[in-house]
ModelCIF file with pLDDT and N, C-alpha, C, O atoms, coordinates in Angstrom:
data_MODEL
#
_entry.id   MODEL 
#
_entity.id                         1 
_entity.type                       polymer 
_entity.pdbx_number_of_molecules   1 
#
_entity_poly.entity_id                      1 
_entity_poly.type                           'polypeptide(L)' 
_entity_poly.nstd_linkage                   no 
_entity_poly.nstd_monomer                   no 
_entity_poly.pdbx_seq_one_letter_code       AESISVLEGLEAVRKRPGMYIGSVSTKGLNHLIYEIVDNAVDEHLAG 
_entity_poly.pdbx_seq_one_letter_code_can   AESISVLEGLEAVRKRPGMYIGSVSTKGLNHLIYEIVDNAVDEHLAG 
_entity_poly.pdbx_strand_id                 A 
#
loop_
_entity_poly_seq.entity_id 
_entity_poly_seq.num 
_entity_poly_seq.mon_id 
_entity_poly_seq.hetero 
1 1  ALA n 
1 2  GLU n 
1 3  SER n 
1 4  ILE n 
1 5  SER n 
1 6  VAL n 
1 7  LEU n 
1 8  GLU n 
1 9  GLY n 
1 10 LEU n 
1 11 GLU n 
1 12 ALA n 
1 13 VAL n 
1 14 ARG n 
1 15 LYS n 
1 16 ARG n 
1 17 PRO n 
1 18 GLY n 
1 19 MET n 
1 20 TYR n 
1 21 ILE n 
1 22 GLY n 
1 23 SER n 
1 24 VAL n 
1 25 SER n 
1 26 THR n 
1 27 LYS n 
1 28 GLY n 
1 29 LEU n 
1 30 ASN n 
1 31 HIS n 
1 32 LEU n 
1 33 ILE n 
1 34 TYR n 
1 35 GLU n 
1 36 ILE n 
1 37 VAL n 
1 38 ASP n 
1 39 ASN n 
1 40 ALA n 
1 41 VAL n 
1 42 ASP n 
1 43 GLU n 
1 44 HIS n 
1 45 LEU n 
1 46 ALA n 
1 47 GLY n 
#
_struct_asym.id          A 
_struct_asym.entity_id   1 
#
loop_
_ma_qa_metric.id 
_ma_qa_metric.mode 
_ma_qa_metric.name 
_ma_qa_metric.software_group_id 
_ma_qa_metric.type 
1 global pLDDT . pLDDT 
2 local  pLDDT . pLDDT 
#
_ma_qa_metric_global.metric_id      1 
_ma_qa_metric_global.metric_value   76.34 
_ma_qa_metric_global.model_id       1 
_ma_qa_metric_global.ordinal_id     1 
#
loop_
_ma_qa_metric_local.label_asym_id 
_ma_qa_metric_local.label_comp_id 
_ma_qa_metric_local.label_seq_id 
_ma_qa_metric_local.metric_id 
_ma_qa_metric_local.metric_value 
_ma_qa_metric_local.model_id 
_ma_qa_metric_local.ordinal_id 
A ALA 1  2 45.00 1 1  
A GLU 2  2 44.00 1 2  
A SER 3  2 38.00 1 3  
A ILE 4  2 37.00 1 4  
A SER 5  2 39.00 1 5  
A VAL 6  2 40.00 1 6  
A LEU 7  2 43.00 1 7  
A GLU 8  2 48.00 1 8  
A GLY 9  2 60.00 1 9  
A LEU 10 2 76.00 1 10 
A GLU 11 2 74.00 1 11 
A ALA 12 2 72.00 1 12 
A VAL 13 2 80.00 1 13 
A ARG 14 2 77.00 1 14 
A LYS 15 2 76.00 1 15 
A ARG 16 2 74.00 1 16 
A PRO 17 2 73.00 1 17 
A GLY 18 2 67.00 1 18 
A MET 19 2 70.00 1 19 
A TYR 20 2 73.00 1 20 
A ILE 21 2 75.00 1 21 
A GLY 22 2 70.00 1 22 
A SER 23 2 77.00 1 23 
A VAL 24 2 83.00 1 24 
A SER 25 2 82.00 1 25 
A THR 26 2 83.00 1 26 
A LYS 27 2 82.00 1 27 
A GLY 28 2 86.00 1 28 
A LEU 29 2 90.00 1 29 
A ASN 30 2 91.00 1 30 
A HIS 31 2 88.00 1 31 
A LEU 32 2 93.00 1 32 
A ILE 33 2 95.00 1 33 
A TYR 34 2 92.00 1 34 
A GLU 35 2 91.00 1 35 
A ILE 36 2 94.00 1 36 
A VAL 37 2 95.00 1 37 
A ASP 38 2 91.00 1 38 
A ASN 39 2 91.00 1 39 
A ALA 40 2 94.00 1 40 
A VAL 41 2 93.00 1 41 
A ASP 42 2 90.00 1 42 
A GLU 43 2 92.00 1 43 
A HIS 44 2 94.00 1 44 
A LEU 45 2 89.00 1 45 
A ALA 46 2 89.00 1 46 
A GLY 47 2 92.00 1 47 
#
loop_
_atom_site.group_PDB 
_atom_site.id 
_atom_site.type_symbol 
_atom_site.label_atom_id 
_atom_site.label_alt_id 
_atom_site.label_comp_id 
_atom_site.label_asym_id 
_atom_site.label_entity_id 
_atom_site.label_seq_id 
_atom_site.pdbx_PDB_ins_code 
_atom_site.Cartn_x 
_atom_site.Cartn_y 
_atom_site.Cartn_z 
_atom_site.occupancy 
_atom_site.B_iso_or_equiv 
_atom_site.pdbx_formal_charge 
_atom_site.auth_seq_id 
_atom_site.auth_comp_id 
_atom_site.auth_asym_id 
_atom_site.auth_atom_id 
_atom_site.pdbx_PDB_model_num 
ATOM 1   N N  . ALA A 1 1  ? -9.403  -14.697 -10.708 1.00 45.00 ? 1  ALA A N  1 
ATOM 2   C CA . ALA A 1 1  ? -8.656  -13.411 -10.697 1.00 45.00 ? 1  ALA A CA 1 
ATOM 3   C C  . ALA A 1 1  ? -8.919  -12.299 -9.986  1.00 45.00 ? 1  ALA A C  1 
ATOM 4   O O  . ALA A 1 1  ? -8.017  -11.512 -9.701  1.00 45.00 ? 1  ALA A O  1 
ATOM 5   N N  . GLU A 1 2  ? -10.278 -12.096 -9.592  1.00 44.00 ? 2  GLU A N  1 
ATOM 6   C CA . GLU A 1 2  ? -10.800 -11.242 -9.000  1.00 44.00 ? 2  GLU A CA 1 
ATOM 7   C C  . GLU A 1 2  ? -10.648 -11.317 -7.582  1.00 44.00 ? 2  GLU A C  1 
ATOM 8   O O  . GLU A 1 2  ? -10.977 -10.353 -6.890  1.00 44.00 ? 2  GLU A O  1 
ATOM 9   N N  . SER A 1 3  ? -10.125 -12.494 -7.011  1.00 38.00 ? 3  SER A N  1 
ATOM 10  C CA . SER A 1 3  ? -9.936  -12.743 -5.683  1.00 38.00 ? 3  SER A CA 1 
ATOM 11  C C  . SER A 1 3  ? -8.437  -12.296 -5.167  1.00 38.00 ? 3  SER A C  1 
ATOM 12  O O  . SER A 1 3  ? -8.096  -12.295 -3.984  1.00 38.00 ? 3  SER A O  1 
ATOM 13  N N  . ILE A 1 4  ? -7.681  -11.951 -6.180  1.00 37.00 ? 4  ILE A N  1 
ATOM 14  C CA . ILE A 1 4  ? -6.409  -11.472 -5.934  1.00 37.00 ? 4  ILE A CA 1 
ATOM 15  C C  . ILE A 1 4  ? -6.124  -10.077 -5.428  1.00 37.00 ? 4  ILE A C  1 
ATOM 16  O O  . ILE A 1 4  ? -6.073  -9.322  -6.399  1.00 37.00 ? 4  ILE A O  1 
ATOM 17  N N  . SER A 1 5  ? -5.929  -9.469  -4.350  1.00 39.00 ? 5  SER A N  1 
ATOM 18  C CA . SER A 1 5  ? -5.906  -7.969  -3.940  1.00 39.00 ? 5  SER A CA 1 
ATOM 19  C C  . SER A 1 5  ? -4.380  -7.659  -4.149  1.00 39.00 ? 5  SER A C  1 
ATOM 20  O O  . SER A 1 5  ? -3.416  -8.373  -3.872  1.00 39.00 ? 5  SER A O  1 
ATOM 21  N N  . VAL A 1 6  ? -4.414  -6.470  -4.683  1.00 40.00 ? 6  VAL A N  1 
ATOM 22  C CA . VAL A 1 6  ? -3.318  -5.611  -4.917  1.00 40.00 ? 6  VAL A CA 1 
ATOM 23  C C  . VAL A 1 6  ? -2.980  -4.526  -3.909  1.00 40.00 ? 6  VAL A C  1 
ATOM 24  O O  . VAL A 1 6  ? -3.674  -3.514  -4.005  1.00 40.00 ? 6  VAL A O  1 
ATOM 25  N N  . LEU A 1 7  ? -2.168  -4.536  -3.082  1.00 43.00 ? 7  LEU A N  1 
ATOM 26  C CA . LEU A 1 7  ? -2.173  -3.119  -1.950  1.00 43.00 ? 7  LEU A CA 1 
ATOM 27  C C  . LEU A 1 7  ? -1.190  -2.504  -2.726  1.00 43.00 ? 7  LEU A C  1 
ATOM 28  O O  . LEU A 1 7  ? -0.252  -3.126  -3.225  1.00 43.00 ? 7  LEU A O  1 
ATOM 29  N N  . GLU A 1 8  ? -1.374  -1.273  -2.849  1.00 48.00 ? 8  GLU A N  1 
ATOM 30  C CA . GLU A 1 8  ? -0.686  -0.343  -3.835  1.00 48.00 ? 8  GLU A CA 1 
ATOM 31  C C  . GLU A 1 8  ? -0.003  0.791   -2.613  1.00 48.00 ? 8  GLU A C  1 
ATOM 32  O O  . GLU A 1 8  ? -0.494  1.280   -1.596  1.00 48.00 ? 8  GLU A O  1 
ATOM 33  N N  . GLY A 1 9  ? 1.210   0.908   -3.199  1.00 60.00 ? 9  GLY A N  1 
ATOM 34  C CA . GLY A 1 9  ? 1.989   2.057   -2.265  1.00 60.00 ? 9  GLY A CA 1 
ATOM 35  C C  . GLY A 1 9  ? 2.276   1.542   -0.625  1.00 60.00 ? 9  GLY A C  1 
ATOM 36  O O  . GLY A 1 9  ? 2.660   0.411   -0.326  1.00 60.00 ? 9  GLY A O  1 
ATOM 37  N N  . LEU A 1 10 ? 2.008   2.593   0.292   1.00 76.00 ? 10 LEU A N  1 
ATOM 38  C CA . LEU A 1 10 ? 1.932   2.389   1.442   1.00 76.00 ? 10 LEU A CA 1 
ATOM 39  C C  . LEU A 1 10 ? 0.945   1.331   2.033   1.00 76.00 ? 10 LEU A C  1 
ATOM 40  O O  . LEU A 1 10 ? 1.260   0.693   3.037   1.00 76.00 ? 10 LEU A O  1 
ATOM 41  N N  . GLU A 1 11 ? -0.133  1.169   1.465   1.00 74.00 ? 11 GLU A N  1 
ATOM 42  C CA . GLU A 1 11 ? -1.230  0.476   2.096   1.00 74.00 ? 11 GLU A CA 1 
ATOM 43  C C  . GLU A 1 11 ? -0.808  -1.056  2.672   1.00 74.00 ? 11 GLU A C  1 
ATOM 44  O O  . GLU A 1 11 ? -1.360  -1.624  3.614   1.00 74.00 ? 11 GLU A O  1 
ATOM 45  N N  . ALA A 1 12 ? 0.192   -1.520  1.952   1.00 72.00 ? 12 ALA A N  1 
ATOM 46  C CA . ALA A 1 12 ? 0.654   -2.785  2.229   1.00 72.00 ? 12 ALA A CA 1 
ATOM 47  C C  . ALA A 1 12 ? 1.334   -2.842  3.550   1.00 72.00 ? 12 ALA A C  1 
ATOM 48  O O  . ALA A 1 12 ? 1.405   -3.963  4.053   1.00 72.00 ? 12 ALA A O  1 
ATOM 49  N N  . VAL A 1 13 ? 1.906   -1.734  4.279   1.00 80.00 ? 13 VAL A N  1 
ATOM 50  C CA . VAL A 1 13 ? 2.496   -1.497  5.375   1.00 80.00 ? 13 VAL A CA 1 
ATOM 51  C C  . VAL A 1 13 ? 1.525   -1.298  6.470   1.00 80.00 ? 13 VAL A C  1 
ATOM 52  O O  . VAL A 1 13 ? 1.557   -1.959  7.508   1.00 80.00 ? 13 VAL A O  1 
ATOM 53  N N  . ARG A 1 14 ? 0.767   -0.487  6.248   1.00 77.00 ? 14 ARG A N  1 
ATOM 54  C CA . ARG A 1 14 ? -0.521  -0.407  6.951   1.00 77.00 ? 14 ARG A CA 1 
ATOM 55  C C  . ARG A 1 14 ? -1.227  -1.751  7.464   1.00 77.00 ? 14 ARG A C  1 
ATOM 56  O O  . ARG A 1 14 ? -1.642  -2.018  8.592   1.00 77.00 ? 14 ARG A O  1 
ATOM 57  N N  . LYS A 1 15 ? -1.235  -2.436  6.410   1.00 76.00 ? 15 LYS A N  1 
ATOM 58  C CA . LYS A 1 15 ? -2.060  -3.621  6.444   1.00 76.00 ? 15 LYS A CA 1 
ATOM 59  C C  . LYS A 1 15 ? -1.330  -4.710  7.186   1.00 76.00 ? 15 LYS A C  1 
ATOM 60  O O  . LYS A 1 15 ? -1.968  -5.479  7.905   1.00 76.00 ? 15 LYS A O  1 
ATOM 61  N N  . ARG A 1 16 ? 0.071   -4.820  7.038   1.00 74.00 ? 16 ARG A N  1 
ATOM 62  C CA . ARG A 1 16 ? 0.753   -5.822  7.697   1.00 74.00 ? 16 ARG A CA 1 
ATOM 63  C C  . ARG A 1 16 ? 2.237   -5.246  8.243   1.00 74.00 ? 16 ARG A C  1 
ATOM 64  O O  . ARG A 1 16 ? 3.380   -5.624  7.985   1.00 74.00 ? 16 ARG A O  1 
ATOM 65  N N  . PRO A 1 17 ? 1.844   -4.412  8.915   1.00 73.00 ? 17 PRO A N  1 
ATOM 66  C CA . PRO A 1 17 ? 2.772   -3.414  9.684   1.00 73.00 ? 17 PRO A CA 1 
ATOM 67  C C  . PRO A 1 17 ? 3.820   -4.421  10.360  1.00 73.00 ? 17 PRO A C  1 
ATOM 68  O O  . PRO A 1 17 ? 4.974   -4.093  10.085  1.00 73.00 ? 17 PRO A O  1 
ATOM 69  N N  . GLY A 1 18 ? 3.712   -5.745  11.302  1.00 67.00 ? 18 GLY A N  1 
ATOM 70  C CA . GLY A 1 18 ? 4.515   -6.602  11.686  1.00 67.00 ? 18 GLY A CA 1 
ATOM 71  C C  . GLY A 1 18 ? 5.544   -6.867  10.499  1.00 67.00 ? 18 GLY A C  1 
ATOM 72  O O  . GLY A 1 18 ? 6.732   -6.793  10.812  1.00 67.00 ? 18 GLY A O  1 
ATOM 73  N N  . MET A 1 19 ? 5.273   -7.130  9.343   1.00 70.00 ? 19 MET A N  1 
ATOM 74  C CA . MET A 1 19 ? 6.236   -7.499  8.353   1.00 70.00 ? 19 MET A CA 1 
ATOM 75  C C  . MET A 1 19 ? 7.523   -6.536  8.188   1.00 70.00 ? 19 MET A C  1 
ATOM 76  O O  . MET A 1 19 ? 8.630   -6.893  7.783   1.00 70.00 ? 19 MET A O  1 
ATOM 77  N N  . TYR A 1 20 ? 7.109   -5.139  8.619   1.00 73.00 ? 20 TYR A N  1 
ATOM 78  C CA . TYR A 1 20 ? 7.952   -4.027  8.387   1.00 73.00 ? 20 TYR A CA 1 
ATOM 79  C C  . TYR A 1 20 ? 8.933   -3.937  9.652   1.00 73.00 ? 20 TYR A C  1 
ATOM 80  O O  . TYR A 1 20 ? 10.161  -3.892  9.590   1.00 73.00 ? 20 TYR A O  1 
ATOM 81  N N  . ILE A 1 21 ? 8.204   -3.920  10.727  1.00 75.00 ? 21 ILE A N  1 
ATOM 82  C CA . ILE A 1 21 ? 8.771   -3.359  12.029  1.00 75.00 ? 21 ILE A CA 1 
ATOM 83  C C  . ILE A 1 21 ? 8.690   -4.303  13.194  1.00 75.00 ? 21 ILE A C  1 
ATOM 84  O O  . ILE A 1 21 ? 8.857   -3.922  14.352  1.00 75.00 ? 21 ILE A O  1 
ATOM 85  N N  . GLY A 1 22 ? 8.368   -5.844  12.776  1.00 70.00 ? 22 GLY A N  1 
ATOM 86  C CA . GLY A 1 22 ? 8.506   -6.626  13.867  1.00 70.00 ? 22 GLY A CA 1 
ATOM 87  C C  . GLY A 1 22 ? 7.218   -6.755  14.939  1.00 70.00 ? 22 GLY A C  1 
ATOM 88  O O  . GLY A 1 22 ? 7.054   -7.756  15.636  1.00 70.00 ? 22 GLY A O  1 
ATOM 89  N N  . SER A 1 23 ? 6.580   -5.915  14.957  1.00 77.00 ? 23 SER A N  1 
ATOM 90  C CA . SER A 1 23 ? 5.459   -5.841  15.838  1.00 77.00 ? 23 SER A CA 1 
ATOM 91  C C  . SER A 1 23 ? 4.683   -4.509  16.032  1.00 77.00 ? 23 SER A C  1 
ATOM 92  O O  . SER A 1 23 ? 5.255   -3.491  15.640  1.00 77.00 ? 23 SER A O  1 
ATOM 93  N N  . VAL A 1 24 ? 3.295   -4.377  16.661  1.00 83.00 ? 24 VAL A N  1 
ATOM 94  C CA . VAL A 1 24 ? 2.594   -3.223  16.655  1.00 83.00 ? 24 VAL A CA 1 
ATOM 95  C C  . VAL A 1 24 ? 2.890   -2.813  18.358  1.00 83.00 ? 24 VAL A C  1 
ATOM 96  O O  . VAL A 1 24 ? 2.488   -1.725  18.772  1.00 83.00 ? 24 VAL A O  1 
ATOM 97  N N  . SER A 1 25 ? 3.612   -3.765  19.274  1.00 82.00 ? 25 SER A N  1 
ATOM 98  C CA . SER A 1 25 ? 3.870   -3.650  20.521  1.00 82.00 ? 25 SER A CA 1 
ATOM 99  C C  . SER A 1 25 ? 5.084   -2.294  20.814  1.00 82.00 ? 25 SER A C  1 
ATOM 100 O O  . SER A 1 25 ? 5.853   -1.856  19.959  1.00 82.00 ? 25 SER A O  1 
ATOM 101 N N  . THR A 1 26 ? 5.002   -1.939  21.893  1.00 83.00 ? 26 THR A N  1 
ATOM 102 C CA . THR A 1 26 ? 6.084   -1.123  22.010  1.00 83.00 ? 26 THR A CA 1 
ATOM 103 C C  . THR A 1 26 ? 7.455   -1.262  21.342  1.00 83.00 ? 26 THR A C  1 
ATOM 104 O O  . THR A 1 26 ? 8.146   -0.263  21.143  1.00 83.00 ? 26 THR A O  1 
ATOM 105 N N  . LYS A 1 27 ? 7.833   -2.422  21.012  1.00 82.00 ? 27 LYS A N  1 
ATOM 106 C CA . LYS A 1 27 ? 9.102   -2.524  20.780  1.00 82.00 ? 27 LYS A CA 1 
ATOM 107 C C  . LYS A 1 27 ? 8.923   -2.016  18.863  1.00 82.00 ? 27 LYS A C  1 
ATOM 108 O O  . LYS A 1 27 ? 9.775   -1.348  18.278  1.00 82.00 ? 27 LYS A O  1 
ATOM 109 N N  . GLY A 1 28 ? 7.950   -2.413  18.374  1.00 86.00 ? 28 GLY A N  1 
ATOM 110 C CA . GLY A 1 28 ? 7.643   -2.023  17.205  1.00 86.00 ? 28 GLY A CA 1 
ATOM 111 C C  . GLY A 1 28 ? 7.603   -0.293  17.048  1.00 86.00 ? 28 GLY A C  1 
ATOM 112 O O  . GLY A 1 28 ? 8.106   0.357   16.131  1.00 86.00 ? 28 GLY A O  1 
ATOM 113 N N  . LEU A 1 29 ? 6.720   0.315   18.433  1.00 90.00 ? 29 LEU A N  1 
ATOM 114 C CA . LEU A 1 29 ? 6.709   1.543   17.848  1.00 90.00 ? 29 LEU A CA 1 
ATOM 115 C C  . LEU A 1 29 ? 7.753   2.387   18.280  1.00 90.00 ? 29 LEU A C  1 
ATOM 116 O O  . LEU A 1 29 ? 7.638   3.565   17.942  1.00 90.00 ? 29 LEU A O  1 
ATOM 117 N N  . ASN A 1 30 ? 8.904   2.023   19.051  1.00 91.00 ? 30 ASN A N  1 
ATOM 118 C CA . ASN A 1 30 ? 10.173  2.435   19.358  1.00 91.00 ? 30 ASN A CA 1 
ATOM 119 C C  . ASN A 1 30 ? 11.195  2.468   18.122  1.00 91.00 ? 30 ASN A C  1 
ATOM 120 O O  . ASN A 1 30 ? 12.143  3.229   17.926  1.00 91.00 ? 30 ASN A O  1 
ATOM 121 N N  . HIS A 1 31 ? 10.659  1.299   17.271  1.00 88.00 ? 31 HIS A N  1 
ATOM 122 C CA . HIS A 1 31 ? 11.438  0.981   15.898  1.00 88.00 ? 31 HIS A CA 1 
ATOM 123 C C  . HIS A 1 31 ? 11.267  2.146   15.159  1.00 88.00 ? 31 HIS A C  1 
ATOM 124 O O  . HIS A 1 31 ? 12.198  2.606   14.498  1.00 88.00 ? 31 HIS A O  1 
ATOM 125 N N  . LEU A 1 32 ? 10.296  2.610   15.198  1.00 93.00 ? 32 LEU A N  1 
ATOM 126 C CA . LEU A 1 32 ? 9.959   4.171   14.215  1.00 93.00 ? 32 LEU A CA 1 
ATOM 127 C C  . LEU A 1 32 ? 10.891  5.165   14.399  1.00 93.00 ? 32 LEU A C  1 
ATOM 128 O O  . LEU A 1 32 ? 11.230  5.925   13.493  1.00 93.00 ? 32 LEU A O  1 
ATOM 129 N N  . ILE A 1 33 ? 11.409  5.210   15.733  1.00 95.00 ? 33 ILE A N  1 
ATOM 130 C CA . ILE A 1 33 ? 12.486  6.280   15.889  1.00 95.00 ? 33 ILE A CA 1 
ATOM 131 C C  . ILE A 1 33 ? 13.668  6.028   15.448  1.00 95.00 ? 33 ILE A C  1 
ATOM 132 O O  . ILE A 1 33 ? 14.432  6.915   15.067  1.00 95.00 ? 33 ILE A O  1 
ATOM 133 N N  . TYR A 1 34 ? 13.934  4.853   15.450  1.00 92.00 ? 34 TYR A N  1 
ATOM 134 C CA . TYR A 1 34 ? 15.377  4.185   15.270  1.00 92.00 ? 34 TYR A CA 1 
ATOM 135 C C  . TYR A 1 34 ? 15.381  4.135   13.933  1.00 92.00 ? 34 TYR A C  1 
ATOM 136 O O  . TYR A 1 34 ? 16.526  4.369   13.545  1.00 92.00 ? 34 TYR A O  1 
ATOM 137 N N  . GLU A 1 35 ? 14.465  3.893   12.822  1.00 91.00 ? 35 GLU A N  1 
ATOM 138 C CA . GLU A 1 35 ? 14.565  4.003   11.728  1.00 91.00 ? 35 GLU A CA 1 
ATOM 139 C C  . GLU A 1 35 ? 14.876  5.215   11.286  1.00 91.00 ? 35 GLU A C  1 
ATOM 140 O O  . GLU A 1 35 ? 15.698  5.103   10.377  1.00 91.00 ? 35 GLU A O  1 
ATOM 141 N N  . ILE A 1 36 ? 14.559  6.507   11.541  1.00 94.00 ? 36 ILE A N  1 
ATOM 142 C CA . ILE A 1 36 ? 14.687  7.867   11.140  1.00 94.00 ? 36 ILE A CA 1 
ATOM 143 C C  . ILE A 1 36 ? 16.124  8.145   11.919  1.00 94.00 ? 36 ILE A C  1 
ATOM 144 O O  . ILE A 1 36 ? 16.908  8.995   11.496  1.00 94.00 ? 36 ILE A O  1 
ATOM 145 N N  . VAL A 1 37 ? 16.311  7.594   12.735  1.00 95.00 ? 37 VAL A N  1 
ATOM 146 C CA . VAL A 1 37 ? 17.966  7.754   13.561  1.00 95.00 ? 37 VAL A CA 1 
ATOM 147 C C  . VAL A 1 37 ? 19.032  7.251   12.557  1.00 95.00 ? 37 VAL A C  1 
ATOM 148 O O  . VAL A 1 37 ? 19.983  7.894   12.111  1.00 95.00 ? 37 VAL A O  1 
ATOM 149 N N  . ASP A 1 38 ? 18.667  5.918   12.281  1.00 91.00 ? 38 ASP A N  1 
ATOM 150 C CA . ASP A 1 38 ? 19.547  5.251   11.618  1.00 91.00 ? 38 ASP A CA 1 
ATOM 151 C C  . ASP A 1 38 ? 19.942  5.636   10.167  1.00 91.00 ? 38 ASP A C  1 
ATOM 152 O O  . ASP A 1 38 ? 20.976  5.312   9.584   1.00 91.00 ? 38 ASP A O  1 
ATOM 153 N N  . ASN A 1 39 ? 18.846  6.443   9.668   1.00 91.00 ? 39 ASN A N  1 
ATOM 154 C CA . ASN A 1 39 ? 18.868  7.435   8.355   1.00 91.00 ? 39 ASN A CA 1 
ATOM 155 C C  . ASN A 1 39 ? 19.980  8.414   8.450   1.00 91.00 ? 39 ASN A C  1 
ATOM 156 O O  . ASN A 1 39 ? 20.809  8.570   7.554   1.00 91.00 ? 39 ASN A O  1 
ATOM 157 N N  . ALA A 1 40 ? 19.964  9.070   9.575   1.00 94.00 ? 40 ALA A N  1 
ATOM 158 C CA . ALA A 1 40 ? 21.005  10.085  10.141  1.00 94.00 ? 40 ALA A CA 1 
ATOM 159 C C  . ALA A 1 40 ? 22.581  9.354   10.307  1.00 94.00 ? 40 ALA A C  1 
ATOM 160 O O  . ALA A 1 40 ? 23.640  9.844   9.916   1.00 94.00 ? 40 ALA A O  1 
ATOM 161 N N  . VAL A 1 41 ? 22.418  8.252   10.894  1.00 93.00 ? 41 VAL A N  1 
ATOM 162 C CA . VAL A 1 41 ? 23.745  7.654   10.856  1.00 93.00 ? 41 VAL A CA 1 
ATOM 163 C C  . VAL A 1 41 ? 24.207  7.391   9.867   1.00 93.00 ? 41 VAL A C  1 
ATOM 164 O O  . VAL A 1 41 ? 25.427  7.469   9.730   1.00 93.00 ? 41 VAL A O  1 
ATOM 165 N N  . ASP A 1 42 ? 23.483  7.038   8.963   1.00 90.00 ? 42 ASP A N  1 
ATOM 166 C CA . ASP A 1 42 ? 24.099  6.592   7.653   1.00 90.00 ? 42 ASP A CA 1 
ATOM 167 C C  . ASP A 1 42 ? 24.923  7.641   6.945   1.00 90.00 ? 42 ASP A C  1 
ATOM 168 O O  . ASP A 1 42 ? 25.936  7.435   6.276   1.00 90.00 ? 42 ASP A O  1 
ATOM 169 N N  . GLU A 1 43 ? 24.275  8.916   7.217   1.00 92.00 ? 43 GLU A N  1 
ATOM 170 C CA . GLU A 1 43 ? 24.960  10.307  6.782   1.00 92.00 ? 43 GLU A CA 1 
ATOM 171 C C  . GLU A 1 43 ? 25.966  10.397  7.353   1.00 92.00 ? 43 GLU A C  1 
ATOM 172 O O  . GLU A 1 43 ? 26.963  10.544  6.647   1.00 92.00 ? 43 GLU A O  1 
ATOM 173 N N  . HIS A 1 44 ? 26.178  10.344  9.085   1.00 94.00 ? 44 HIS A N  1 
ATOM 174 C CA . HIS A 1 44 ? 27.470  10.246  9.878   1.00 94.00 ? 44 HIS A CA 1 
ATOM 175 C C  . HIS A 1 44 ? 28.390  9.133   9.153   1.00 94.00 ? 44 HIS A C  1 
ATOM 176 O O  . HIS A 1 44 ? 29.489  9.482   8.722   1.00 94.00 ? 44 HIS A O  1 
ATOM 177 N N  . LEU A 1 45 ? 27.984  7.884   9.023   1.00 89.00 ? 45 LEU A N  1 
ATOM 178 C CA . LEU A 1 45 ? 29.156  7.106   8.448   1.00 89.00 ? 45 LEU A CA 1 
ATOM 179 C C  . LEU A 1 45 ? 29.438  7.511   6.772   1.00 89.00 ? 45 LEU A C  1 
ATOM 180 O O  . LEU A 1 45 ? 30.293  6.854   6.178   1.00 89.00 ? 45 LEU A O  1 
ATOM 181 N N  . ALA A 1 46 ? 28.884  8.330   6.222   1.00 89.00 ? 46 ALA A N  1 
ATOM 182 C CA . ALA A 1 46 ? 29.231  8.911   5.086   1.00 89.00 ? 46 ALA A CA 1 
ATOM 183 C C  . ALA A 1 46 ? 30.173  9.931   5.055   1.00 89.00 ? 46 ALA A C  1 
ATOM 184 O O  . ALA A 1 46 ? 30.802  10.177  4.026   1.00 89.00 ? 46 ALA A O  1 
ATOM 185 N N  . GLY A 1 47 ? 30.348  10.625  6.218   1.00 92.00 ? 47 GLY A N  1 
ATOM 186 C CA . GLY A 1 47 ? 31.235  11.502  6.598   1.00 92.00 ? 47 GLY A CA 1 
ATOM 187 C C  . GLY A 1 47 ? 30.521  13.031  6.656   1.00 92.00 ? 47 GLY A C  1 
ATOM 188 O O  . GLY A 1 47 ? 31.187  14.010  6.993   1.00 92.00 ? 47 GLY A O  1 
#
């Protein structure tokens, strides 16, 4: 049981970023901008 790690909160993202943004290359880097932009676009789609 002691071998099982539990990553709390955003720790999991920092540990395995590729699972969330695809990669840590330039493509993943630019993806950070697109995520925030997409949130704004969702506001646009909602009117």
